[in-house]
Amino acid sequence: MGLTSRKTVMDLIYYSDLDFKKVSKQFEKVAGQLSRSDFSSADVKKMPGTVYYRARLDRDNRLLFRFARHKDRMCLLLLEVIYNHEYDK
């Protein structure tokens, strides 16, 4: 009997003001990886001392998100694109 791996499908909830037009191709790729719980490919890292995580869109830009429950399911809240590593904005 062989073993198979199964990826968890994660619901994504987009913040209403989330603007990713400048990096739409990279955003769609990373959103797909996150929805499949493929955090390694999305280069996800937890932001120290917070409940937030970031995924790498490209060399300079990151996607800020957090885990949450919605209708008794675990989901990801996609919050903001951080351009040029400007985390303090």
Protein backbone atom coordinates (compact mmCIF):
# COMPACT_ATOMS: atom_id res chain seq x y z
CA MET A 1 0.00 0.00 0.00
CA GLY A 2 1.48 3.37 -1.04
CA LEU A 3 1.31 6.59 0.89
CA THR A 4 0.01 9.79 -0.61
CA SER A 5 0.45 13.31 0.68
CA ARG A 6 -2.53 15.59 0.84
CA LYS A 7 -2.26 19.35 0.98
CA THR A 8 -4.78 21.27 3.03
CA VAL A 9 -6.80 23.75 1.02
CA MET A 10 -6.91 27.08 2.80
CA ASP A 11 -9.61 29.71 2.26
CA LEU A 12 -8.20 33.13 1.42
CA ILE A 13 -9.96 36.30 2.51
CA TYR A 14 -8.75 39.52 0.89
CA TYR A 15 -8.77 42.80 2.84
CA SER A 16 -11.08 45.19 0.98
CA ASP A 17 -8.30 47.76 0.39
CA LEU A 18 -5.69 45.20 -0.69
CA ASP A 19 -3.98 46.61 -3.78
CA PHE A 20 -1.69 44.22 -5.64
CA LYS A 21 -1.90 45.67 -9.17
CA LYS A 22 1.84 46.40 -9.35
CA VAL A 23 2.70 42.77 -8.56
CA SER A 24 -0.42 40.95 -9.79
CA LYS A 25 1.44 38.07 -11.47
CA GLN A 26 3.57 37.35 -8.40
CA PHE A 27 0.57 37.86 -6.10
CA GLU A 28 -1.55 35.29 -7.94
CA LYS A 29 1.28 32.76 -7.82
CA VAL A 30 1.86 33.22 -4.08
CA ALA A 31 -1.89 33.26 -3.31
CA GLY A 32 -2.15 29.88 -5.04
CA GLN A 33 0.73 28.52 -2.98
CA LEU A 34 -0.83 29.82 0.24
CA SER A 35 -4.24 28.37 -0.63
CA ARG A 36 -2.56 24.96 -0.99
CA SER A 37 -0.73 25.48 2.33
CA ASP A 38 2.56 25.41 0.41
CA PHE A 39 4.28 27.80 2.80
CA SER A 40 7.75 26.67 1.81
CA SER A 41 7.33 27.69 -1.84
CA ALA A 42 5.80 31.01 -0.76
CA ASP A 43 8.85 31.60 1.49
CA VAL A 44 6.65 32.35 4.50
CA LYS A 45 8.20 33.77 7.66
CA LYS A 46 6.57 34.82 10.92
CA MET A 47 7.14 38.42 11.87
CA PRO A 48 8.70 38.39 15.35
CA GLY A 49 6.53 39.54 18.24
CA THR A 50 3.33 39.70 16.15
CA VAL A 51 0.52 37.48 14.84
CA TYR A 52 1.53 38.38 11.28
CA TYR A 53 3.35 36.46 8.59
CA ARG A 54 4.87 37.55 5.32
CA ALA A 55 5.22 35.71 2.04
CA ARG A 56 7.82 36.63 -0.55
CA LEU A 57 6.37 38.00 -3.78
CA ASP A 58 9.73 38.85 -5.34
CA ARG A 59 13.11 40.21 -4.33
CA ASP A 60 11.73 43.48 -2.93
CA ASN A 61 8.04 42.94 -2.14
CA ARG A 62 6.16 40.92 0.47
CA LEU A 63 2.57 39.95 1.20
CA LEU A 64 1.42 40.48 4.79
CA PHE A 65 -1.16 38.02 6.14
CA ARG A 66 -2.41 36.27 9.27
CA PHE A 67 -4.28 33.12 10.20
CA ALA A 68 -7.89 33.43 11.38
CA ARG A 69 -11.09 31.44 11.81
CA HIS A 70 -14.08 32.18 9.61
CA LYS A 71 -17.26 30.08 9.74
CA ASP A 72 -15.46 27.40 11.78
CA ARG A 73 -12.69 27.05 9.18
CA MET A 74 -9.10 28.12 9.34
CA CYS A 75 -8.33 30.73 6.69
CA LEU A 76 -5.74 33.31 5.74
CA LEU A 77 -6.47 37.02 5.83
CA LEU A 78 -4.44 38.66 3.06
CA LEU A 79 -3.87 42.16 4.36
CA GLU A 80 -1.30 44.21 2.49
CA VAL A 81 1.45 44.18 -0.09
CA ILE A 82 4.61 45.61 1.46
CA TYR A 83 6.60 47.27 -1.30
CA ASN A 84 10.39 47.65 -1.08
CA HIS A 85 10.60 46.13 2.42
CA GLU A 86 8.88 49.20 3.92
CA TYR A 87 7.43 47.39 6.94
CA ASP A 88 7.16 50.57 9.04
CA LYS A 89 4.52 52.22 6.84
